Amino acid sequence: MIEKLEEIKKRYLEVERLLSLPESTFDMARYKKLSKEYKDLKKIATKHDAYSGVIVGLEEAKNIFEKEKDEEFKEMAKKEIEDLNKKKLDLEGEIKTLLIPKDPNDEKNIILEIRSGTGGDEAAIFAGDLLRMYELYAEKMKWSFNVISYTQGTVGGYKEIVCGIEGEDVYGVMKYEAGTHRVQRVPDTETQGRVHTSAATVAVLPEVEEIDLKIDTSEIRKDTFRASGAGGQHVNKTESAVRLTHDPSGIVVECQDGRSQHANYDKALKVLRSKLYEKEVEKRDKEIAGKRKLMVGSGDRSDKIRTYNYPQGRVTDHRINYTVYSLQEVVSGDLYSFTENLRIADNAEKMKSGT
């Protein structure tokens, strides 16, 4: 580990030097790449410096303990050794976590898709509840949240809704939300007070830039239509909504939220690019999944990942057997304990399997 840290520190100083050169700003793509690398390396370099300081302190304290005759000084040195050994262990754990290869998508913004599943009208209402939960969580995390397209449910909620979330490390946090979410409660439409189980699926796609994935626009068919639902007279009277069909893959995306056809086209293209990118990385994810027991990052829509039980006020994440009895707080956007525990579990699996 020490050798690896020394190499990282050397590269950190080299990147720092490159960024300070005036000619670095001539190529903005390269400058952006170097800046990102510098930011990532700085975290490890800072921990490396702290770790080196602890090692030096330990040697000094051990030297005092071995050579000092005064019992009071020996006792002080012994206490210092105990404290520094604890710091050393803590830093080693933090450094090992930082040395786990990062998913290159973790810092990306996301396209969030929520679809109602089994349960009819209640499933659509639940999809709306999940949307609100993520909106509130995004607010807590100081992320921006915008709706791209939606199909409303018959009695409320959504049959399907697609959103964009932008901010720091959005994909790295939200990727653990992908999969099937179940709700157990008495629906408003239930007259006999029986508890029903309904479901909604969540997909979390990293937003992909043009430099990450180029699309041949000649393979895209564009249709325009009038937007439905909320949006006012302007939206309903003009064909501002856009539908894009990617002929080779058959993927179809729509956007009707923007005020202009151009804005909707740009948003729809972002969604399409993310969906195509998802297909490309699917093979890689399957290979990795084969090596890991805990599929916390698989994102498979068919995986039942979490249950929201209203009668018991309970929320359970089935991947890590983690349960809290604060359902109202969770659906009000208090998701941090889930995302953090899933991140810790995922990192532990990565360390075990070396992926």
Protein backbone atom coordinates (compact mmCIF):
# COMPACT_ATOMS: atom_id res chain seq x y z
CA MET A 1 0.00 0.00 0.00
CA ILE A 2 2.87 2.39 0.84
CA GLU A 3 4.42 1.95 -2.61
CA LYS A 4 1.09 2.63 -4.29
CA LEU A 5 0.60 5.75 -2.18
CA GLU A 6 4.07 7.01 -3.13
CA GLU A 7 3.24 6.54 -6.82
CA ILE A 8 -0.05 8.42 -6.39
CA LYS A 9 1.69 11.27 -4.54
CA LYS A 10 4.25 11.52 -7.37
CA ARG A 11 1.48 11.65 -10.00
CA TYR A 12 -0.45 14.22 -7.90
CA LEU A 13 2.56 16.56 -7.86
CA GLU A 14 3.07 16.03 -11.60
CA VAL A 15 -0.58 16.89 -12.39
CA GLU A 16 -0.32 19.93 -10.11
CA ARG A 17 2.74 21.07 -12.13
CA LEU A 18 0.96 20.48 -15.47
CA LEU A 19 -2.08 22.49 -14.37
CA SER A 20 0.14 25.43 -13.42
CA LEU A 21 1.59 25.68 -16.96
CA PRO A 22 0.02 28.50 -19.05
CA GLU A 23 -0.27 26.23 -22.12
CA SER A 24 -2.53 23.80 -20.20
CA THR A 25 -5.51 26.10 -20.77
CA PHE A 26 -5.06 25.99 -24.56
CA ASP A 27 -6.69 22.55 -24.72
CA MET A 28 -9.81 22.81 -22.54
CA ALA A 29 -10.73 19.12 -22.87
CA ARG A 30 -7.28 18.12 -21.55
CA TYR A 31 -7.41 20.82 -18.85
CA LYS A 32 -10.79 19.54 -17.67
CA LYS A 33 -9.46 15.97 -17.57
CA LEU A 34 -6.36 17.02 -15.59
CA SER A 35 -8.48 19.04 -13.15
CA LYS A 36 -10.69 16.04 -12.46
CA GLU A 37 -7.63 13.80 -11.95
CA TYR A 38 -6.10 16.40 -9.62
CA LYS A 39 -9.29 16.54 -7.53
CA ASP A 40 -9.39 12.73 -7.20
CA LEU A 41 -5.68 12.42 -6.40
CA LYS A 42 -5.77 15.24 -3.86
CA LYS A 43 -8.03 13.21 -1.54
CA ILE A 44 -5.55 10.32 -1.50
CA ALA A 45 -2.47 12.59 -1.31
CA THR A 46 -3.95 14.38 1.74
CA LYS A 47 -4.58 11.05 3.50
CA HIS A 48 -1.06 9.90 2.53
CA ASP A 49 0.44 12.98 4.22
CA ALA A 50 -1.64 12.38 7.35
CA TYR A 51 -0.62 8.69 7.37
CA SER A 52 3.08 9.59 6.96
CA GLY A 53 2.78 12.02 9.89
CA VAL A 54 1.25 9.30 12.07
CA ILE A 55 4.08 6.84 11.19
CA VAL A 56 6.73 9.44 12.13
CA GLY A 57 4.87 10.23 15.35
CA LEU A 58 4.67 6.54 16.24
CA GLU A 59 8.41 6.04 15.78
CA GLU A 60 9.16 9.04 17.99
CA ALA A 61 6.73 7.92 20.71
CA LYS A 62 8.15 4.35 20.67
CA ASN A 63 11.67 5.74 20.91
CA ILE A 64 10.72 7.85 23.95
CA PHE A 65 8.97 4.89 25.59
CA GLU A 66 12.03 2.63 25.15
CA LYS A 67 14.67 5.15 26.26
CA GLU A 68 12.90 7.32 28.83
CA LYS A 69 13.58 6.56 32.50
CA ASP A 70 10.93 8.83 33.98
CA GLU A 71 7.75 6.80 34.56
CA GLU A 72 5.46 9.76 33.97
CA PHE A 73 7.02 10.42 30.55
CA LYS A 74 6.87 6.70 29.72
CA GLU A 75 3.16 6.66 30.55
CA MET A 76 2.57 9.70 28.32
CA ALA A 77 4.49 8.02 25.48
CA LYS A 78 2.45 4.82 25.95
CA LYS A 79 -0.81 6.78 25.70
CA GLU A 80 0.52 8.54 22.58
CA ILE A 81 1.37 5.18 20.99
CA GLU A 82 -2.17 3.88 21.66
CA ASP A 83 -3.78 7.01 20.16
CA LEU A 84 -1.53 6.98 17.10
CA ASN A 85 -2.11 3.25 16.48
CA LYS A 86 -5.85 3.92 16.43
CA LYS A 87 -5.36 6.83 14.00
CA LYS A 88 -3.16 4.60 11.85
CA LEU A 89 -5.85 1.90 11.62
CA ASP A 90 -8.56 4.47 10.83
CA LEU A 91 -6.43 6.06 8.10
CA GLU A 92 -5.58 2.66 6.60
CA GLY A 93 -9.31 1.89 6.30
CA GLU A 94 -10.01 5.27 4.68
CA ILE A 95 -7.07 4.90 2.28
CA LYS A 96 -8.10 1.38 1.24
CA THR A 97 -11.56 2.71 0.40
CA LEU A 98 -10.08 5.59 -1.62
CA LEU A 99 -7.85 3.15 -3.51
CA ILE A 100 -10.84 1.12 -4.75
CA PRO A 101 -11.10 1.83 -8.51
CA LYS A 102 -13.89 4.37 -9.00
CA ASP A 103 -16.74 3.87 -11.40
CA PRO A 104 -16.01 6.53 -14.05
CA ASN A 105 -19.73 7.35 -14.13
CA ASP A 106 -19.99 8.22 -10.41
CA GLU A 107 -19.55 11.95 -10.94
CA LYS A 108 -22.08 12.13 -13.77
CA ASN A 109 -25.57 13.60 -13.67
CA ILE A 110 -28.40 11.12 -14.19
CA ILE A 111 -31.57 10.33 -16.07
CA LEU A 112 -34.07 8.89 -13.59
CA GLU A 113 -36.95 6.73 -14.86
CA ILE A 114 -39.81 5.61 -12.63
CA ARG A 115 -42.47 3.25 -13.99
CA SER A 116 -45.53 1.82 -12.29
CA GLY A 117 -45.47 -1.97 -12.11
CA THR A 118 -47.90 -4.51 -10.67
CA GLY A 119 -50.81 -3.02 -8.77
CA GLY A 120 -52.75 -0.92 -11.30
CA ASP A 121 -53.80 2.55 -10.09
CA GLU A 122 -52.08 2.06 -6.72
CA ALA A 123 -48.77 1.32 -8.50
CA ALA A 124 -49.07 4.60 -10.41
CA ILE A 125 -49.74 6.48 -7.16
CA PHE A 126 -46.70 4.78 -5.60
CA ALA A 127 -44.57 5.83 -8.60
CA GLY A 128 -45.66 9.41 -7.81
CA ASP A 129 -44.64 8.91 -4.16
CA LEU A 130 -41.19 7.72 -5.25
CA LEU A 131 -40.87 10.76 -7.51
CA ARG A 132 -41.64 13.07 -4.57
CA MET A 133 -39.17 11.16 -2.36
CA TYR A 134 -36.37 11.67 -4.88
CA GLU A 135 -37.29 15.32 -5.42
CA LEU A 136 -37.00 15.97 -1.69
CA TYR A 137 -33.75 13.99 -1.46
CA ALA A 138 -32.30 16.01 -4.37
CA GLU A 139 -33.26 19.18 -2.51
CA LYS A 140 -31.44 17.98 0.63
CA MET A 141 -28.37 17.12 -1.47
CA LYS A 142 -28.52 20.54 -3.22
CA TRP A 143 -29.00 18.90 -6.63
CA SER A 144 -31.21 20.33 -9.39
CA PHE A 145 -34.22 18.23 -10.43
CA ASN A 146 -36.22 18.60 -13.64
CA VAL A 147 -38.98 16.59 -15.32
CA ILE A 148 -38.34 15.50 -18.93
CA SER A 149 -41.46 13.51 -19.83
CA TYR A 150 -44.34 11.74 -18.12
CA THR A 151 -47.55 9.78 -18.57
CA GLN A 152 -50.01 10.39 -15.75
CA GLY A 153 -51.94 7.64 -13.97
CA THR A 154 -55.72 7.38 -14.23
CA VAL A 155 -56.42 8.40 -10.62
CA GLY A 156 -53.12 10.12 -9.80
CA GLY A 157 -49.40 9.46 -9.84
CA TYR A 158 -47.61 8.33 -13.00
CA LYS A 159 -47.54 5.34 -15.29
CA GLU A 160 -44.06 6.54 -16.28
CA ILE A 161 -41.99 9.62 -15.54
CA VAL A 162 -38.48 10.55 -16.70
CA CYS A 163 -36.41 13.19 -14.89
CA GLY A 164 -32.94 14.68 -14.95
CA ILE A 165 -30.91 15.23 -11.78
CA GLU A 166 -27.75 17.35 -11.82
CA GLY A 167 -25.19 17.93 -9.08
CA GLU A 168 -22.12 16.54 -7.38
CA ASP A 169 -21.62 12.73 -7.55
CA VAL A 170 -25.30 12.16 -8.42
CA TYR A 171 -24.82 8.81 -10.17
CA GLY A 172 -22.41 7.58 -7.47
CA VAL A 173 -25.15 8.08 -4.87
CA MET A 174 -28.31 7.33 -6.84
CA LYS A 175 -27.17 4.19 -8.71
CA TYR A 176 -28.17 2.11 -5.68
CA GLU A 177 -31.82 3.12 -6.15
CA ALA A 178 -32.16 1.16 -9.40
CA GLY A 179 -34.46 -1.86 -9.25
CA THR A 180 -37.97 -2.78 -8.11
CA HIS A 181 -39.48 -0.94 -5.13
CA ARG A 182 -42.52 -2.52 -3.39
CA VAL A 183 -45.16 -0.84 -1.27
CA GLN A 184 -47.48 -2.58 1.21
CA ARG A 185 -50.42 -0.46 2.36
CA VAL A 186 -54.19 0.01 2.21
CA PRO A 187 -54.90 1.92 -1.04
CA ASP A 188 -57.34 4.84 -1.03
CA THR A 189 -59.47 2.86 -3.48
CA GLU A 190 -59.72 -0.13 -1.07
CA THR A 191 -63.13 -0.22 0.65
CA GLN A 192 -62.54 -3.17 3.00
CA GLY A 193 -59.26 -2.01 4.55
CA ARG A 194 -57.11 -4.77 3.05
CA VAL A 195 -53.36 -4.28 2.63
CA HIS A 196 -52.24 -4.50 -1.02
CA THR A 197 -48.75 -4.99 -2.43
CA SER A 198 -47.84 -2.88 -5.45
CA ALA A 199 -44.57 -2.12 -7.20
CA ALA A 200 -42.73 0.46 -9.27
CA THR A 201 -39.42 0.12 -11.08
CA VAL A 202 -36.62 2.66 -10.98
CA ALA A 203 -33.85 3.00 -13.57
CA VAL A 204 -30.83 5.26 -12.97
CA LEU A 205 -28.84 6.07 -16.10
CA PRO A 206 -25.64 8.15 -16.13
CA GLU A 207 -26.05 11.19 -18.33
CA VAL A 208 -23.68 10.72 -21.25
CA GLU A 209 -21.85 13.50 -23.06
CA GLU A 210 -21.34 13.48 -26.81
CA ILE A 211 -17.61 12.81 -26.27
CA ASP A 212 -18.51 9.60 -24.39
CA LEU A 213 -20.87 8.26 -27.03
CA LYS A 214 -21.40 9.56 -30.56
CA ILE A 215 -24.75 8.88 -32.25
CA ASP A 216 -25.26 8.87 -36.00
CA THR A 217 -28.14 11.34 -36.35
CA SER A 218 -29.13 9.76 -39.67
CA GLU A 219 -30.22 6.72 -37.61
CA ILE A 220 -32.64 8.82 -35.51
CA ARG A 221 -36.23 9.46 -36.59
CA LYS A 222 -37.76 12.64 -35.14
CA ASP A 223 -41.51 13.19 -34.67
CA THR A 224 -43.25 16.17 -33.09
CA PHE A 225 -46.62 16.26 -31.36
CA ARG A 226 -48.67 18.37 -28.99
CA ALA A 227 -47.79 17.97 -25.34
CA SER A 228 -50.43 16.64 -22.97
CA GLY A 229 -51.07 17.37 -19.31
CA ALA A 230 -49.78 20.38 -17.38
CA GLY A 231 -47.97 23.14 -19.24
CA GLY A 232 -50.51 25.82 -20.06
CA GLN A 233 -51.98 26.99 -23.34
CA HIS A 234 -48.64 27.46 -25.13
CA VAL A 235 -47.60 23.83 -24.65
CA ASN A 236 -50.96 22.43 -25.73
CA LYS A 237 -51.36 24.65 -28.81
CA THR A 238 -47.97 23.99 -30.44
CA GLU A 239 -46.23 20.81 -31.52
CA SER A 240 -43.36 21.38 -29.10
CA ALA A 241 -43.15 17.79 -27.80
CA VAL A 242 -40.51 15.59 -29.43
CA ARG A 243 -40.31 11.83 -29.95
CA LEU A 244 -36.99 10.28 -31.07
CA THR A 245 -36.73 6.74 -32.44
CA HIS A 246 -33.30 5.14 -32.75
CA ASP A 247 -33.77 2.72 -35.67
CA PRO A 248 -30.86 0.28 -35.00
CA SER A 249 -31.85 -0.36 -31.35
CA GLY A 250 -35.59 0.38 -31.50
CA ILE A 251 -35.27 2.69 -28.46
CA VAL A 252 -37.95 5.41 -28.35
CA VAL A 253 -37.76 8.47 -26.08
CA GLU A 254 -40.07 11.45 -25.65
CA CYS A 255 -39.77 14.89 -24.11
CA GLN A 256 -42.63 17.34 -23.64
CA ASP A 257 -41.55 19.43 -20.67
CA GLY A 258 -39.58 22.19 -22.42
CA ARG A 259 -41.20 25.35 -23.78
CA SER A 260 -39.73 24.86 -27.25
CA GLN A 261 -39.25 22.04 -29.71
CA HIS A 262 -35.49 22.71 -29.70
CA ALA A 263 -35.26 22.40 -25.88
CA ASN A 264 -37.27 19.17 -25.95
CA TYR A 265 -35.08 17.75 -28.74
CA ASP A 266 -31.90 18.42 -26.70
CA LYS A 267 -33.39 16.77 -23.60
CA ALA A 268 -34.67 13.77 -25.57
CA LEU A 269 -31.25 13.33 -27.17
CA LYS A 270 -29.65 13.24 -23.68
CA VAL A 271 -32.05 10.48 -22.62
CA LEU A 272 -31.44 8.51 -25.82
CA ARG A 273 -27.67 8.79 -25.42
CA SER A 274 -27.90 7.54 -21.82
CA LYS A 275 -30.08 4.58 -22.82
CA LEU A 276 -27.66 3.54 -25.57
CA TYR A 277 -24.73 3.91 -23.18
CA GLU A 278 -26.55 1.71 -20.64
CA LYS A 279 -26.82 -1.06 -23.23
CA GLU A 280 -23.10 -0.81 -23.96
CA VAL A 281 -22.05 -1.20 -20.32
CA GLU A 282 -24.57 -3.98 -19.63
CA LYS A 283 -22.12 -6.70 -20.68
CA ARG A 284 -19.40 -5.32 -18.44
CA ASP A 285 -21.79 -5.13 -15.48
CA LYS A 286 -22.86 -8.75 -15.96
CA GLU A 287 -19.23 -9.88 -15.89
CA ILE A 288 -18.59 -7.93 -12.69
CA ALA A 289 -21.82 -9.18 -11.12
CA GLY A 290 -20.66 -12.75 -11.64
CA LYS A 291 -17.74 -12.06 -9.32
CA ARG A 292 -19.71 -10.32 -6.61
CA LYS A 293 -22.33 -11.68 -4.22
CA LEU A 294 -23.85 -8.32 -3.34
CA MET A 295 -25.56 -6.91 -6.41
CA VAL A 296 -26.11 -3.48 -4.87
CA GLY A 297 -25.07 -1.74 -8.04
CA SER A 298 -26.63 -4.03 -10.62
CA GLY A 299 -29.60 -1.78 -11.39
CA ASP A 300 -31.61 -4.69 -12.80
CA ARG A 301 -35.26 -3.62 -12.91
CA SER A 302 -36.33 -7.16 -11.99
CA ASP A 303 -34.40 -7.09 -8.69
CA LYS A 304 -36.69 -6.51 -5.69
CA ILE A 305 -34.53 -4.10 -3.76
CA ARG A 306 -36.71 -2.37 -1.18
CA THR A 307 -40.09 -2.67 0.57
CA TYR A 308 -42.06 0.22 2.10
CA ASN A 309 -44.49 -1.27 4.64
CA TYR A 310 -46.96 1.41 5.79
CA PRO A 311 -48.87 -0.54 8.48
CA GLN A 312 -45.59 -1.20 10.33
CA GLY A 313 -43.92 2.09 9.39
CA ARG A 314 -41.01 0.00 8.11
CA VAL A 315 -38.62 0.31 5.17
CA THR A 316 -36.37 -2.68 4.36
CA ASP A 317 -33.55 -2.87 1.84
CA HIS A 318 -33.32 -6.56 0.90
CA ARG A 319 -29.81 -6.40 -0.58
CA ILE A 320 -28.13 -5.62 2.75
CA ASN A 321 -30.94 -6.64 5.14
CA TYR A 322 -31.14 -3.08 6.43
CA THR A 323 -34.41 -1.98 8.10
CA VAL A 324 -35.56 1.30 9.61
CA TYR A 325 -38.86 2.10 11.32
CA SER A 326 -39.08 5.70 10.11
CA LEU A 327 -41.05 5.28 6.89
CA GLN A 328 -42.51 8.82 6.85
CA GLU A 329 -39.03 10.35 7.15
CA VAL A 330 -37.71 8.12 4.34
CA VAL A 331 -40.52 8.96 1.89
CA SER A 332 -39.97 12.62 2.82
CA GLY A 333 -36.49 12.39 1.34
CA ASP A 334 -34.39 11.11 4.26
CA LEU A 335 -32.53 8.52 2.17
CA TYR A 336 -28.96 9.12 3.35
CA SER A 337 -28.75 6.11 5.70
CA PHE A 338 -29.75 3.81 2.82
CA THR A 339 -27.42 5.27 0.19
CA GLU A 340 -24.50 5.39 2.65
CA ASN A 341 -24.96 1.81 3.94
CA LEU A 342 -25.27 0.54 0.37
CA ARG A 343 -22.09 2.39 -0.64
CA ILE A 344 -20.19 0.87 2.32
CA ALA A 345 -21.49 -2.63 1.50
CA ASP A 346 -20.62 -2.20 -2.17
CA ASN A 347 -17.07 -1.07 -1.34
CA ALA A 348 -16.63 -4.04 1.00
CA GLU A 349 -17.63 -6.41 -1.82
CA LYS A 350 -15.27 -4.66 -4.23
CA MET A 351 -12.39 -5.08 -1.78
CA LYS A 352 -13.19 -8.78 -1.37
CA SER A 353 -13.48 -9.53 -5.05
CA GLY A 354 -10.93 -7.06 -6.36
CA THR A 355 -13.42 -5.48 -8.82
